[in-house]
Amino acid sequence: MIDSGDSGEELRIYIVDGSGITDRVLEGQPFLVGVSEEGDIAVGGASVEVVRDGISYGSNVTASDGDWPGWAGFVAPLVNQNLEFQIIVSKQGFKTNTTSILIVDSSTEGEVLIKIFNSTLNETNRIKENETFYIKVIDKTAENPISNLNITINPVTNKSFDIETKRTDENGVSTFIAPHVDKDEIFNITTTYRGRQYYTLIVILDQPNSLSQGITHTLPESIMLALIAVMLVVAIVLAFIIWKRKEKKGRRVSIPSFTELAIFQPLQEDENPKNEHYEHSHNTNDAKNEEQSSSFFQPLNEDGCNPSTLCSTADYLDKMIDVIINKRKDKQPKNNMDR
């Protein structure tokens, strides 16, 4: 039970459901309790409690700032008959205030039930922004769906949102998409059946990055698969490039040692091509010299005088001069008469 507050200004209490400010709420339906001081200034941090016969059926604290300053949310308790409850509000520095609220037994009130289901078909009155949700209207007695009813969603806490109306199908269902919100917002859902209005409240929850999440969820499956395939191809190409670079860096040019090259192979013990070439060249030169010497001194041999004989030097020189003169004469061209 809430303790009494200090003496001071009395707190003001407002009860709001889907129909607006009220003093009666259908069992199981959400409602709000607003607390203010003089001048309708919202009072945050006030304690609010729903009580009957000294038993608490729920308590909450009004918001100090944020989405709904001065407001606290409740769900009406279930009853088997219409019962009156007290709402007690208190805060330090203010006078405690109490007001009454009638909780109505749904079996004695009206013919229609409004049910809300989220995208996973769970019944709830809290829907995420950008989420698809369903509103179903059924006959309360036989639980049969009611078709061709207008379902209207009205903003409660923020009047800047558009009012949206759709009709129920043969299954008594209307499909909606929750709007994008910058903070949690309350909407009123109403319908009229046989001249009587029925209502309930729904809370649209602000979700961080919900716009990008909503776009992602609405992408066609084929596009998502294509994006995944492209990402896999890019990953494979990058892996191949990295592997090739590593392989290239790991290569080393193989430089054979001198002993591995044929032109630098060590000579066999019995081989000496350089000496053989030298000896062959030397022998060839000797042969040429002998041939030249023999051909040059051949005429001297006719007279029995050559370098191997013991001819006198003067005779030898005379013979050589004669040979040279004769050779020159032989090389001179013949005169014209001889032609």
Protein backbone atom coordinates (compact mmCIF):
# COMPACT_ATOMS: atom_id res chain seq x y z
CA MET A 1 0.00 0.00 0.00
CA ILE A 2 1.26 3.48 -0.88
CA ASP A 3 2.10 5.74 2.05
CA SER A 4 0.42 9.12 2.34
CA GLY A 5 2.37 12.04 0.94
CA ASP A 6 3.22 15.30 2.64
CA SER A 7 0.76 18.13 2.99
CA GLY A 8 0.83 20.37 -0.04
CA GLU A 9 -0.83 20.73 -3.40
CA GLU A 10 -3.17 17.88 -4.28
CA LEU A 11 -2.25 15.72 -7.24
CA ARG A 12 -4.69 15.44 -10.13
CA ILE A 13 -5.54 12.03 -11.68
CA TYR A 14 -6.64 11.16 -15.24
CA ILE A 15 -7.67 7.71 -16.51
CA VAL A 16 -7.45 7.13 -20.25
CA ASP A 17 -8.30 4.11 -22.39
CA GLY A 18 -9.05 3.64 -26.08
CA SER A 19 -12.17 5.76 -25.86
CA GLY A 20 -10.43 8.69 -24.15
CA ILE A 21 -10.75 9.96 -20.57
CA THR A 22 -12.93 7.51 -18.68
CA ASP A 23 -13.79 6.04 -15.29
CA ARG A 24 -14.56 2.52 -16.54
CA VAL A 25 -12.32 -0.01 -18.32
CA LEU A 26 -13.07 -3.44 -19.75
CA GLU A 27 -11.26 -6.26 -17.95
CA GLY A 28 -7.97 -7.33 -19.53
CA GLN A 29 -7.68 -4.07 -21.45
CA PRO A 30 -4.76 -1.62 -21.11
CA PHE A 31 -5.27 1.86 -19.69
CA LEU A 32 -3.17 4.82 -18.56
CA VAL A 33 -3.14 6.86 -15.37
CA GLY A 34 -1.91 10.43 -15.73
CA VAL A 35 -0.76 12.58 -12.80
CA SER A 36 -0.41 16.37 -12.86
CA GLU A 37 -0.31 19.39 -10.62
CA GLU A 38 -2.05 22.73 -10.99
CA GLY A 39 -1.80 24.06 -14.53
CA ASP A 40 -1.84 20.51 -15.95
CA ILE A 41 1.91 20.20 -15.44
CA ALA A 42 2.93 16.55 -15.61
CA VAL A 43 4.30 15.10 -12.39
CA GLY A 44 6.94 12.45 -12.78
CA GLY A 45 8.05 10.05 -10.09
CA ALA A 46 4.58 9.76 -8.54
CA SER A 47 3.55 6.36 -7.15
CA VAL A 48 0.32 4.91 -8.59
CA GLU A 49 -1.44 1.83 -7.20
CA VAL A 50 -4.65 -0.06 -8.12
CA VAL A 51 -6.34 -1.36 -4.94
CA ARG A 52 -9.54 -3.15 -3.88
CA ASP A 53 -10.43 -4.12 -0.32
CA GLY A 54 -6.89 -3.41 0.82
CA ILE A 55 -5.35 -5.73 -1.82
CA SER A 56 -3.01 -4.26 -4.41
CA TYR A 57 -3.66 -5.38 -8.00
CA GLY A 58 -0.73 -3.50 -9.48
CA SER A 59 1.53 -0.50 -8.97
CA ASN A 60 3.69 1.71 -11.15
CA VAL A 61 5.56 5.04 -11.14
CA THR A 62 4.83 7.90 -13.51
CA ALA A 63 7.59 8.73 -15.95
CA SER A 64 9.73 11.75 -15.12
CA ASP A 65 10.78 12.37 -18.71
CA GLY A 66 11.13 10.49 -21.97
CA ASP A 67 8.11 9.22 -23.86
CA TRP A 68 5.18 9.95 -21.53
CA PRO A 69 6.07 12.23 -18.63
CA GLY A 70 3.50 11.99 -15.87
CA TRP A 71 1.92 8.76 -17.20
CA ALA A 72 1.90 5.19 -15.86
CA GLY A 73 0.51 2.16 -17.71
CA PHE A 74 -1.71 -0.67 -16.42
CA VAL A 75 -3.79 -3.61 -17.61
CA ALA A 76 -7.24 -3.99 -16.05
CA PRO A 77 -7.49 -7.10 -13.84
CA LEU A 78 -9.83 -9.94 -14.79
CA VAL A 79 -13.15 -10.00 -12.94
CA ASN A 80 -16.24 -12.26 -12.92
CA GLN A 81 -18.53 -9.27 -12.43
CA ASN A 82 -18.32 -5.50 -12.62
CA LEU A 83 -16.16 -4.32 -9.71
CA GLU A 84 -14.99 -0.93 -8.48
CA PHE A 85 -11.29 -0.35 -7.73
CA GLN A 86 -9.39 2.59 -6.23
CA ILE A 87 -6.43 4.31 -7.81
CA ILE A 88 -4.15 5.92 -5.22
CA VAL A 89 -1.54 8.48 -6.26
CA SER A 90 1.16 9.94 -3.98
CA LYS A 91 4.45 11.81 -4.08
CA GLN A 92 6.63 13.51 -1.51
CA GLY A 93 5.66 17.18 -1.19
CA PHE A 94 2.10 16.64 -2.52
CA LYS A 95 -1.19 15.57 -0.98
CA THR A 96 -2.12 11.96 -1.75
CA ASN A 97 -5.17 11.65 -3.97
CA THR A 98 -7.55 8.76 -4.72
CA THR A 99 -10.07 8.13 -7.47
CA SER A 100 -12.33 5.20 -8.44
CA ILE A 101 -12.40 3.09 -11.61
CA LEU A 102 -14.97 0.48 -12.66
CA ILE A 103 -13.55 -2.75 -14.13
CA VAL A 104 -16.21 -4.23 -16.40
CA ASP A 105 -16.83 -7.96 -16.79
CA SER A 106 -16.55 -8.61 -20.54
CA SER A 107 -19.19 -11.39 -20.42
CA THR A 108 -21.83 -8.84 -19.49
CA GLU A 109 -20.57 -6.04 -21.69
CA GLY A 110 -21.01 -6.03 -25.43
CA GLU A 111 -20.80 -8.71 -28.09
CA VAL A 112 -17.34 -8.22 -29.62
CA LEU A 113 -13.74 -8.97 -28.67
CA ILE A 114 -10.76 -7.32 -30.38
CA LYS A 115 -7.56 -9.36 -30.42
CA ILE A 116 -4.11 -8.26 -31.60
CA PHE A 117 -1.45 -10.64 -32.93
CA ASN A 118 2.15 -9.82 -33.83
CA SER A 119 4.06 -11.11 -36.86
CA THR A 120 4.70 -14.46 -35.12
CA LEU A 121 0.95 -14.77 -34.37
CA ASN A 122 1.36 -14.29 -30.63
CA GLU A 123 -1.44 -12.35 -28.98
CA THR A 124 -0.14 -9.07 -27.54
CA ASN A 125 -0.82 -5.35 -27.34
CA ARG A 126 2.86 -4.36 -27.82
CA ILE A 127 4.10 -4.24 -31.42
CA LYS A 128 7.53 -3.27 -32.75
CA GLU A 129 7.72 -0.41 -35.23
CA ASN A 130 7.68 -1.48 -38.91
CA GLU A 131 6.33 -4.88 -37.83
CA THR A 132 3.37 -6.51 -39.56
CA PHE A 133 0.54 -7.24 -37.13
CA TYR A 134 -3.03 -8.51 -37.29
CA ILE A 135 -6.26 -7.39 -35.65
CA LYS A 136 -9.01 -9.99 -35.31
CA VAL A 137 -12.61 -9.29 -34.33
CA ILE A 138 -14.73 -12.16 -33.04
CA ASP A 139 -18.18 -12.66 -31.62
CA LYS A 140 -17.68 -12.91 -27.88
CA THR A 141 -20.34 -15.56 -27.34
CA ALA A 142 -19.71 -18.02 -30.20
CA GLU A 143 -16.14 -16.82 -30.93
CA ASN A 144 -16.98 -16.63 -34.62
CA PRO A 145 -15.03 -14.14 -36.77
CA ILE A 146 -16.89 -11.00 -37.81
CA SER A 147 -16.18 -9.86 -41.38
CA ASN A 148 -16.64 -6.50 -43.12
CA LEU A 149 -16.01 -4.43 -39.99
CA ASN A 150 -14.03 -1.19 -40.19
CA ILE A 151 -10.95 -1.23 -37.93
CA THR A 152 -9.48 2.21 -37.21
CA ILE A 153 -6.11 3.00 -35.61
CA ASN A 154 -5.88 6.46 -34.00
CA PRO A 155 -2.80 7.99 -32.37
CA VAL A 156 -3.25 8.80 -28.69
CA THR A 157 0.06 10.25 -27.45
CA ASN A 158 1.15 11.83 -30.75
CA LYS A 159 -1.56 13.28 -32.98
CA SER A 160 0.85 13.81 -35.89
CA PHE A 161 0.36 10.20 -37.04
CA ASP A 162 -2.23 9.50 -39.71
CA ILE A 163 -5.48 7.69 -38.92
CA GLU A 164 -5.66 4.38 -40.77
CA THR A 165 -8.79 2.31 -41.43
CA LYS A 166 -9.13 -1.19 -42.94
CA ARG A 167 -11.91 -3.78 -43.19
CA THR A 168 -11.85 -7.29 -41.75
CA ASP A 169 -11.80 -10.20 -44.21
CA GLU A 170 -13.86 -13.42 -44.08
CA ASN A 171 -11.69 -14.56 -41.15
CA GLY A 172 -12.41 -11.36 -39.22
CA VAL A 173 -8.79 -10.21 -39.69
CA SER A 174 -7.24 -6.91 -40.83
CA THR A 175 -3.52 -6.62 -41.56
CA PHE A 176 -1.50 -3.53 -40.61
CA ILE A 177 2.13 -2.43 -40.57
CA ALA A 178 3.24 -0.54 -37.48
CA PRO A 179 4.53 2.96 -38.30
CA HIS A 180 8.07 4.14 -37.64
CA VAL A 181 8.26 5.96 -34.30
CA ASP A 182 10.98 7.98 -32.61
CA LYS A 183 9.78 6.80 -29.19
CA ASP A 184 7.17 4.38 -27.86
CA GLU A 185 3.72 5.59 -28.91
CA ILE A 186 0.18 4.58 -27.89
CA PHE A 187 -2.54 4.03 -30.48
CA ASN A 188 -6.25 3.41 -30.05
CA ILE A 189 -7.94 0.61 -32.03
CA THR A 190 -11.68 0.99 -32.48
CA THR A 191 -14.51 -0.71 -34.33
CA THR A 192 -18.29 -0.36 -34.36
CA TYR A 193 -20.66 -3.33 -34.35
CA ARG A 194 -24.47 -3.08 -34.25
CA GLY A 195 -24.32 0.56 -33.27
CA ARG A 196 -21.89 0.10 -30.40
CA GLN A 197 -18.23 1.11 -30.31
CA TYR A 198 -15.51 -1.26 -29.14
CA TYR A 199 -11.91 -0.33 -28.51
CA THR A 200 -8.52 -1.36 -27.19
CA LEU A 201 -5.06 0.19 -26.90
CA ILE A 202 -1.84 -0.81 -28.63
CA VAL A 203 1.73 0.32 -27.95
CA ILE A 204 4.14 0.74 -30.89
CA LEU A 205 7.68 0.18 -29.60
CA ASP A 206 10.65 2.20 -30.80
CA GLN A 207 13.43 -0.11 -32.00
CA PRO A 208 17.07 1.02 -32.51
CA ASN A 209 18.05 0.89 -36.22
CA SER A 210 14.59 -0.44 -37.01
CA LEU A 211 14.49 1.30 -40.39
CA SER A 212 17.54 -0.57 -41.67
CA GLN A 213 16.27 -3.79 -40.10
CA GLY A 214 12.89 -3.34 -41.77
CA ILE A 215 14.51 -2.81 -45.16
CA THR A 216 16.63 -5.93 -44.69
CA HIS A 217 13.65 -8.06 -43.73
CA THR A 218 11.64 -6.91 -46.74
CA LEU A 219 14.32 -7.74 -49.31
CA PRO A 220 13.22 -10.57 -51.62
CA GLU A 221 14.83 -13.90 -50.90
CA SER A 222 16.33 -14.06 -54.41
CA ILE A 223 18.18 -10.77 -53.86
CA MET A 224 19.47 -11.94 -50.49
CA LEU A 225 20.77 -15.16 -52.06
CA ALA A 226 22.42 -13.20 -54.88
CA LEU A 227 24.16 -10.91 -52.38
CA ILE A 228 25.42 -13.93 -50.44
CA ALA A 229 26.72 -15.52 -53.66
CA VAL A 230 28.57 -12.32 -54.63
CA MET A 231 30.15 -12.14 -51.19
CA LEU A 232 31.33 -15.75 -51.48
CA VAL A 233 32.87 -15.12 -54.92
CA VAL A 234 34.69 -12.03 -53.65
CA ALA A 235 36.01 -14.00 -50.67
CA ILE A 236 37.29 -16.79 -52.94
CA VAL A 237 39.01 -14.33 -55.31
CA LEU A 238 40.69 -12.53 -52.42
CA ALA A 239 41.87 -15.83 -50.94
CA PHE A 240 43.32 -16.87 -54.33
CA ILE A 241 45.18 -13.54 -54.74
CA ILE A 242 46.64 -13.79 -51.24
CA TRP A 243 47.73 -17.39 -51.89
CA LYS A 244 49.43 -16.46 -55.19
CA ARG A 245 51.28 -13.60 -53.55
CA LYS A 246 52.53 -15.85 -50.79
CA GLU A 247 53.61 -18.46 -53.35
CA LYS A 248 55.47 -15.82 -55.38
CA LYS A 249 57.23 -14.49 -52.30
CA GLY A 250 58.25 -18.03 -51.37
CA ARG A 251 60.00 -18.74 -54.70
CA ARG A 252 63.80 -18.48 -54.92
CA VAL A 253 65.88 -18.50 -58.12
CA SER A 254 68.03 -21.64 -58.16
CA ILE A 255 71.64 -20.68 -59.02
CA PRO A 256 73.76 -23.76 -59.74
CA SER A 257 77.29 -23.94 -58.43
CA PHE A 258 80.19 -23.91 -60.83
CA THR A 259 80.58 -27.63 -60.47
CA GLU A 260 76.94 -28.12 -61.58
CA LEU A 261 77.46 -26.33 -64.90
CA ALA A 262 78.80 -28.43 -67.79
CA ILE A 263 81.19 -25.74 -68.99
CA PHE A 264 82.75 -25.65 -65.55
CA GLN A 265 82.95 -29.38 -65.04
CA PRO A 266 86.37 -30.35 -63.67
CA LEU A 267 88.68 -32.05 -66.15
CA GLN A 268 89.29 -35.74 -65.96
CA GLU A 269 92.70 -36.81 -64.77
CA ASP A 270 93.82 -38.03 -68.22
CA GLU A 271 92.30 -35.10 -70.13
CA ASN A 272 94.09 -31.88 -71.00
CA PRO A 273 92.38 -30.34 -74.03
CA LYS A 274 94.26 -27.09 -73.66
CA ASN A 275 97.66 -28.81 -73.85
CA GLU A 276 96.48 -31.01 -76.70
CA HIS A 277 95.39 -27.92 -78.60
CA TYR A 278 98.71 -26.30 -77.92
CA GLU A 279 100.67 -29.33 -79.06
CA HIS A 280 98.52 -29.71 -82.17
CA SER A 281 98.96 -26.04 -83.02
CA HIS A 282 102.66 -26.23 -82.34
CA ASN A 283 103.09 -29.28 -84.54
CA THR A 284 101.05 -27.67 -87.31
CA ASN A 285 103.19 -24.55 -87.22
CA ASP A 286 106.34 -26.65 -87.34
CA ALA A 287 105.03 -28.49 -90.38
CA LYS A 288 104.20 -25.21 -92.10
CA ASN A 289 107.64 -23.84 -91.31
CA GLU A 290 109.29 -26.96 -92.66
CA GLU A 291 107.16 -26.78 -95.80
CA GLN A 292 108.00 -23.10 -96.31
CA SER A 293 111.67 -23.74 -95.63
CA SER A 294 111.83 -26.68 -97.97
CA SER A 295 109.98 -24.82 -100.72
CA PHE A 296 112.12 -21.71 -100.28
CA PHE A 297 115.45 -23.53 -100.35
CA GLN A 298 114.42 -26.18 -102.86
CA PRO A 299 116.28 -24.53 -105.85
CA LEU A 300 119.48 -24.60 -103.87
CA ASN A 301 119.31 -28.32 -103.65
CA GLU A 302 119.83 -28.61 -107.40
CA ASP A 303 123.39 -27.35 -107.03
CA GLY A 304 124.02 -29.39 -103.99
CA CYS A 305 124.14 -26.39 -101.74
CA ASN A 306 121.61 -25.87 -98.99
CA PRO A 307 121.78 -24.94 -95.33
CA SER A 308 122.75 -28.48 -94.43
CA THR A 309 125.90 -28.40 -96.70
CA LEU A 310 129.17 -26.72 -95.95
CA CYS A 311 129.02 -24.15 -98.78
CA SER A 312 130.86 -20.94 -98.26
CA THR A 313 128.80 -18.01 -97.15
CA ALA A 314 129.59 -15.95 -100.23
CA ASP A 315 128.64 -18.74 -102.58
CA TYR A 316 125.49 -19.33 -100.62
CA LEU A 317 124.48 -15.68 -100.83
CA ASP A 318 125.23 -15.52 -104.53
CA LYS A 319 123.05 -18.49 -105.16
CA MET A 320 120.22 -16.95 -103.15
CA ILE A 321 120.42 -13.67 -105.08
CA ASP A 322 120.29 -15.53 -108.40
CA VAL A 323 117.26 -17.48 -107.27
CA ILE A 324 115.43 -14.33 -106.20
CA ILE A 325 116.19 -12.57 -109.49
CA ASN A 326 115.01 -15.53 -111.50
CA LYS A 327 111.79 -15.73 -109.50
CA ARG A 328 111.04 -12.07 -110.15
CA LYS A 329 111.62 -12.54 -113.85
CA ASP A 330 109.21 -15.42 -113.91
CA LYS A 331 106.52 -13.27 -112.28
CA GLN A 332 106.81 -10.39 -114.80
CA PRO A 333 104.00 -10.33 -117.46
CA LYS A 334 104.80 -11.31 -121.01
CA ASN A 335 104.99 -8.61 -123.69
CA ASN A 336 102.28 -8.06 -126.25
CA MET A 337 104.02 -10.01 -128.90
CA ASP A 338 103.90 -13.15 -126.91
CA ARG A 339 100.12 -12.91 -126.60
